[in-house]
Amino acid sequence: MDFLGDHSPELLPGKRPLPPVQGAIEAPHGTTIVATSFPGGVVLAGDRRATMGNVIAQRDIEKVFPADEYSAVGIAGTAGLAVEMVKLFQLELEHFEKVEGTQLSLEGKANRLSTMIRSNLGMAMQGLAVVPLFAGYDIDREKGRIFSYDVTGGRSEEHGFAATGSGSVFARSALKKLFREDFTEHQAATAVVQALYDAADDDSATGGPDMARRIYPIVTVITEEGFKKLTEAEVSEIARAVHERRLDQPDGPRAALL
């Protein structure tokens, strides 16, 4: 980013001039990303729907990507800019590791992503915002950590769970009731699928598990062993179990009153 900023700043995502337009710019947007921690790591997941206004632009978009061996980023906002930002972020982390001979700390990665989001502020003010969710395993602290951002690059560490995107209010509310400190990895993966299911139930821009087309959420796990993306078979098993249970309880599992 520094090299491009000095020599060709117009190539950076946030520096590209836009022609004057009337009204909002219609571009595909990614929607809901959720994350939850568990003893030994963190789970980061996203639905598969991209929308453009009131139209479904894509049903099987991928919104969760590995940043490096021990971290991942989920994108919400303008899909094209978000994917480009993630690719640049991946490249920066790889470049740092090759030059320094060691990985950037998880805190450093979170800070660097914050700077990249801030560089996109000009685009965000024109309606092309990118608001990712960043999660990873902190080797120094030996635990999973989650970071959320606002459109200006403001960074907050979330404890336990987090969500971003258009369905984040519903997903976060679901996780608030489902979260347990003693989650197993499988329980954490089930909880994020439940949260995405609840988000899809109330937010038209969030896509739930599509049984007919066999399109399921992207679910990733980051532990001390590194980044792992659950296979389609593993996610489909969780999604189908959730769906079967919801045939009897359409609103999902109930939390205890006390």
Protein backbone atom coordinates (compact mmCIF):
# COMPACT_ATOMS: atom_id res chain seq x y z
CA MET A 1 0.00 0.00 0.00
CA ASP A 2 2.85 2.39 0.81
CA PHE A 3 4.52 1.67 -2.53
CA LEU A 4 1.29 2.25 -4.47
CA GLY A 5 0.54 5.34 -2.42
CA ASP A 6 3.88 6.86 -3.47
CA HIS A 7 3.92 5.84 -7.12
CA SER A 8 0.35 5.13 -8.29
CA PRO A 9 -2.15 6.20 -5.62
CA GLU A 10 -5.00 6.02 -8.12
CA LEU A 11 -4.66 2.20 -8.07
CA LEU A 12 -5.61 1.96 -4.40
CA PRO A 13 -9.29 1.00 -3.83
CA GLY A 14 -10.05 4.14 -1.81
CA LYS A 15 -8.28 6.57 -4.16
CA ARG A 16 -10.09 5.85 -7.39
CA PRO A 17 -12.18 8.83 -8.50
CA LEU A 18 -15.86 8.19 -9.14
CA PRO A 19 -17.93 10.09 -11.70
CA PRO A 20 -20.66 12.29 -10.21
CA VAL A 21 -23.90 10.35 -9.81
CA GLN A 22 -27.43 11.05 -8.69
CA GLY A 23 -28.65 8.83 -5.85
CA ALA A 24 -27.11 5.65 -4.50
CA ILE A 25 -24.76 3.58 -6.64
CA GLU A 26 -26.17 0.11 -7.33
CA ALA A 27 -23.47 -2.52 -6.77
CA PRO A 28 -23.58 -6.04 -5.33
CA HIS A 29 -23.37 -6.03 -1.54
CA GLY A 30 -22.39 -8.84 0.80
CA THR A 31 -24.53 -9.09 3.87
CA THR A 32 -24.16 -11.01 7.14
CA ILE A 33 -20.97 -12.23 8.85
CA VAL A 34 -20.90 -13.79 12.33
CA ALA A 35 -18.18 -15.01 14.69
CA THR A 36 -18.00 -16.68 18.06
CA SER A 37 -15.15 -17.82 20.24
CA PHE A 38 -14.74 -21.11 22.05
CA PRO A 39 -12.00 -22.52 24.31
CA GLY A 40 -9.14 -23.08 21.89
CA GLY A 41 -10.16 -20.88 19.00
CA VAL A 42 -12.77 -18.95 17.07
CA VAL A 43 -15.40 -19.65 14.39
CA LEU A 44 -16.06 -17.16 11.58
CA ALA A 45 -18.95 -17.70 9.17
CA GLY A 46 -20.96 -15.92 6.51
CA ASP A 47 -24.09 -16.44 4.46
CA ARG A 48 -23.86 -16.78 0.67
CA ARG A 49 -26.21 -14.08 -0.66
CA ALA A 50 -25.19 -10.87 -2.40
CA THR A 51 -27.86 -8.28 -3.13
CA MET A 52 -28.14 -5.29 -5.44
CA GLY A 53 -31.02 -3.14 -4.27
CA ASN A 54 -34.03 -5.42 -4.03
CA VAL A 55 -32.49 -8.03 -6.37
CA ILE A 56 -30.45 -11.10 -5.42
CA ALA A 57 -27.24 -10.50 -7.35
CA GLN A 58 -25.57 -13.80 -6.43
CA ARG A 59 -26.68 -16.79 -4.40
CA ASP A 60 -23.33 -18.45 -3.73
CA ILE A 61 -20.83 -15.66 -3.09
CA GLU A 62 -17.98 -16.44 -0.70
CA LYS A 63 -17.51 -13.83 2.02
CA VAL A 64 -15.02 -15.46 4.39
CA PHE A 65 -11.34 -15.71 3.44
CA PRO A 66 -8.13 -16.74 5.20
CA ALA A 67 -5.96 -13.70 5.88
CA ASP A 68 -2.99 -15.90 6.76
CA GLU A 69 -2.38 -19.15 8.60
CA TYR A 70 -3.90 -17.97 11.89
CA SER A 71 -6.54 -15.40 10.92
CA ALA A 72 -9.51 -14.86 8.66
CA VAL A 73 -11.64 -11.97 7.47
CA GLY A 74 -15.33 -11.91 6.58
CA ILE A 75 -16.61 -9.17 4.28
CA ALA A 76 -19.79 -7.13 4.44
CA GLY A 77 -20.53 -4.15 2.22
CA THR A 78 -19.67 -3.49 -1.42
CA ALA A 79 -18.56 -6.90 -2.64
CA GLY A 80 -16.09 -5.88 -5.35
CA LEU A 81 -14.18 -3.42 -3.16
CA ALA A 82 -14.27 -5.81 -0.20
CA VAL A 83 -12.76 -8.72 -2.13
CA GLU A 84 -10.06 -6.43 -3.51
CA MET A 85 -9.29 -5.16 -0.02
CA VAL A 86 -9.00 -8.72 1.30
CA LYS A 87 -6.59 -9.71 -1.48
CA LEU A 88 -4.42 -6.68 -0.72
CA PHE A 89 -4.56 -7.50 3.00
CA GLN A 90 -3.48 -11.10 2.32
CA LEU A 91 -0.60 -9.84 0.19
CA GLU A 92 0.56 -7.38 2.86
CA LEU A 93 0.64 -10.07 5.55
CA GLU A 94 2.55 -12.43 3.27
CA HIS A 95 4.99 -9.67 2.31
CA PHE A 96 5.61 -8.78 5.99
CA GLU A 97 6.30 -12.42 6.85
CA LYS A 98 8.79 -12.80 3.99
CA VAL A 99 10.62 -9.57 4.76
CA GLU A 100 10.69 -9.87 8.57
CA GLY A 101 10.92 -13.65 8.81
CA THR A 102 8.07 -13.74 11.32
CA GLN A 103 4.32 -13.23 11.36
CA LEU A 104 2.74 -9.94 12.33
CA SER A 105 0.98 -10.15 15.70
CA LEU A 106 -2.79 -10.56 15.66
CA GLU A 107 -3.10 -7.07 17.14
CA GLY A 108 -0.90 -5.73 14.33
CA LYS A 109 -3.03 -7.46 11.69
CA ALA A 110 -6.18 -5.95 13.17
CA ASN A 111 -4.59 -2.49 13.18
CA ARG A 112 -3.42 -2.83 9.58
CA LEU A 113 -6.91 -3.79 8.42
CA SER A 114 -8.24 -0.74 10.27
CA THR A 115 -5.90 1.49 8.25
CA MET A 116 -7.05 -0.09 4.98
CA ILE A 117 -10.71 0.48 5.84
CA ARG A 118 -9.96 4.10 6.70
CA SER A 119 -8.31 4.57 3.30
CA ASN A 120 -11.65 3.63 1.72
CA LEU A 121 -13.55 6.39 3.52
CA GLY A 122 -13.96 8.46 0.35
CA MET A 123 -15.72 5.56 -1.35
CA ALA A 124 -17.77 4.84 1.77
CA MET A 125 -19.08 8.43 1.79
CA GLN A 126 -20.39 7.76 -1.73
CA GLY A 127 -22.22 4.62 -0.62
CA LEU A 128 -19.51 2.04 -1.35
CA ALA A 129 -18.63 1.02 2.20
CA VAL A 130 -16.64 -2.04 3.31
CA VAL A 131 -17.12 -3.22 6.91
CA PRO A 132 -15.36 -6.54 7.58
CA LEU A 133 -15.14 -8.78 10.62
CA PHE A 134 -11.68 -10.03 11.54
CA ALA A 135 -10.95 -13.08 13.69
CA GLY A 136 -7.91 -15.16 14.49
CA TYR A 137 -5.99 -17.23 16.97
CA ASP A 138 -3.61 -15.19 19.10
CA ILE A 139 -0.51 -17.36 19.51
CA ASP A 140 0.83 -15.16 22.33
CA ARG A 141 -2.37 -15.19 24.37
CA GLU A 142 -3.32 -18.73 23.27
CA LYS A 143 -6.94 -17.92 22.50
CA GLY A 144 -9.26 -16.84 19.71
CA ARG A 145 -10.01 -13.13 19.31
CA ILE A 146 -12.59 -11.18 17.28
CA PHE A 147 -12.38 -7.61 15.96
CA SER A 148 -15.19 -5.54 14.47
CA TYR A 149 -14.90 -2.26 12.56
CA ASP A 150 -16.95 0.76 11.61
CA VAL A 151 -16.90 2.48 8.25
CA THR A 152 -14.20 4.94 9.35
CA GLY A 153 -11.80 2.15 10.35
CA GLY A 154 -12.59 2.34 14.04
CA ARG A 155 -11.65 -0.99 15.62
CA SER A 156 -13.26 -2.75 18.58
CA GLU A 157 -12.40 -6.08 20.10
CA GLU A 158 -15.50 -8.18 20.69
CA HIS A 159 -15.69 -10.69 23.52
CA GLY A 160 -17.53 -13.94 22.91
CA PHE A 161 -19.34 -13.18 19.68
CA ALA A 162 -19.89 -10.54 17.01
CA ALA A 163 -21.77 -9.88 13.78
CA THR A 164 -21.70 -7.36 10.96
CA GLY A 165 -23.76 -6.67 7.86
CA SER A 166 -27.43 -6.04 7.18
CA GLY A 167 -28.61 -9.01 9.23
CA SER A 168 -26.18 -8.42 12.08
CA VAL A 169 -28.84 -7.16 14.50
CA PHE A 170 -30.74 -10.45 14.28
CA ALA A 171 -27.63 -12.65 14.14
CA ARG A 172 -26.06 -10.93 17.14
CA SER A 173 -29.30 -11.23 19.12
CA ALA A 174 -29.40 -14.96 18.38
CA LEU A 175 -25.78 -15.42 19.46
CA LYS A 176 -26.43 -13.39 22.59
CA LYS A 177 -28.90 -16.06 23.71
CA LEU A 178 -27.00 -19.08 22.39
CA PHE A 179 -23.43 -18.25 23.41
CA ARG A 180 -21.74 -20.40 26.06
CA GLU A 181 -18.25 -19.98 27.45
CA ASP A 182 -17.66 -23.75 27.24
CA PHE A 183 -18.62 -24.25 23.59
CA THR A 184 -17.01 -27.14 21.77
CA GLU A 185 -15.87 -26.48 18.22
CA HIS A 186 -18.95 -28.26 16.82
CA GLN A 187 -21.31 -26.35 19.13
CA ALA A 188 -19.74 -23.04 18.10
CA ALA A 189 -20.18 -23.94 14.42
CA THR A 190 -23.81 -24.89 15.09
CA ALA A 191 -24.41 -21.60 16.94
CA VAL A 192 -23.20 -19.46 14.01
CA VAL A 193 -25.39 -21.42 11.58
CA GLN A 194 -28.36 -20.88 13.92
CA ALA A 195 -27.53 -17.16 14.03
CA LEU A 196 -27.36 -16.93 10.22
CA TYR A 197 -30.65 -18.82 10.01
CA ASP A 198 -32.26 -16.25 12.35
CA ALA A 199 -30.78 -13.39 10.34
CA ALA A 200 -32.19 -14.84 7.11
CA ASP A 201 -35.55 -15.24 8.82
CA ASP A 202 -35.86 -11.48 9.41
CA ASP A 203 -33.49 -9.85 6.90
CA SER A 204 -34.28 -10.22 3.20
CA ALA A 205 -30.65 -9.50 2.22
CA THR A 206 -29.34 -12.50 4.18
CA GLY A 207 -29.56 -15.92 2.58
CA GLY A 208 -30.32 -18.97 4.70
CA PRO A 209 -29.22 -22.53 3.87
CA ASP A 210 -30.52 -23.34 0.36
CA MET A 211 -31.36 -27.04 0.51
CA ALA A 212 -32.63 -27.25 -3.06
CA ARG A 213 -29.47 -25.76 -4.59
CA ARG A 214 -27.18 -27.23 -1.90
CA ILE A 215 -25.79 -23.81 -1.01
CA TYR A 216 -24.73 -23.60 2.62
CA PRO A 217 -22.97 -20.97 4.74
CA ILE A 218 -19.19 -20.73 4.70
CA VAL A 219 -17.94 -21.79 8.14
CA THR A 220 -14.27 -21.50 9.13
CA VAL A 221 -12.41 -22.42 12.30
CA ILE A 222 -9.10 -20.94 13.50
CA THR A 223 -7.22 -22.70 16.30
CA GLU A 224 -3.59 -23.21 17.32
CA GLU A 225 -3.43 -25.67 14.40
CA GLY A 226 -4.27 -22.85 11.99
CA PHE A 227 -7.09 -21.91 9.63
CA LYS A 228 -9.57 -24.58 8.56
CA LYS A 229 -12.61 -24.28 6.33
CA LEU A 230 -15.33 -26.80 7.08
CA THR A 231 -16.20 -28.98 4.11
CA GLU A 232 -19.53 -28.72 2.35
CA ALA A 233 -20.49 -32.11 3.80
CA GLU A 234 -19.73 -30.92 7.35
CA VAL A 235 -21.67 -27.66 6.97
CA SER A 236 -24.58 -29.36 5.20
CA GLU A 237 -24.89 -31.83 8.08
CA ILE A 238 -25.14 -28.96 10.57
CA ALA A 239 -27.51 -26.95 8.35
CA ARG A 240 -29.82 -29.91 7.77
CA ALA A 241 -29.91 -30.71 11.49
CA VAL A 242 -30.82 -27.08 12.23
CA HIS A 243 -33.47 -27.11 9.49
CA GLU A 244 -35.02 -30.37 10.73
CA ARG A 245 -35.24 -29.01 14.26
CA ARG A 246 -36.86 -25.81 13.01
CA LEU A 247 -39.67 -27.74 11.40
CA ASP A 248 -40.90 -28.23 14.98
CA GLN A 249 -39.55 -24.93 16.37
CA PRO A 250 -39.57 -22.36 13.52
CA ASP A 251 -38.14 -19.63 15.76
CA GLY A 252 -35.18 -21.75 16.82
CA PRO A 253 -33.96 -22.99 20.21
CA ARG A 254 -35.26 -21.33 23.34
CA ALA A 255 -32.98 -19.77 25.93
CA ALA A 256 -33.68 -20.31 29.62
CA LEU A 257 -35.52 -17.48 31.41
CA LEU A 258 -33.21 -17.67 34.43
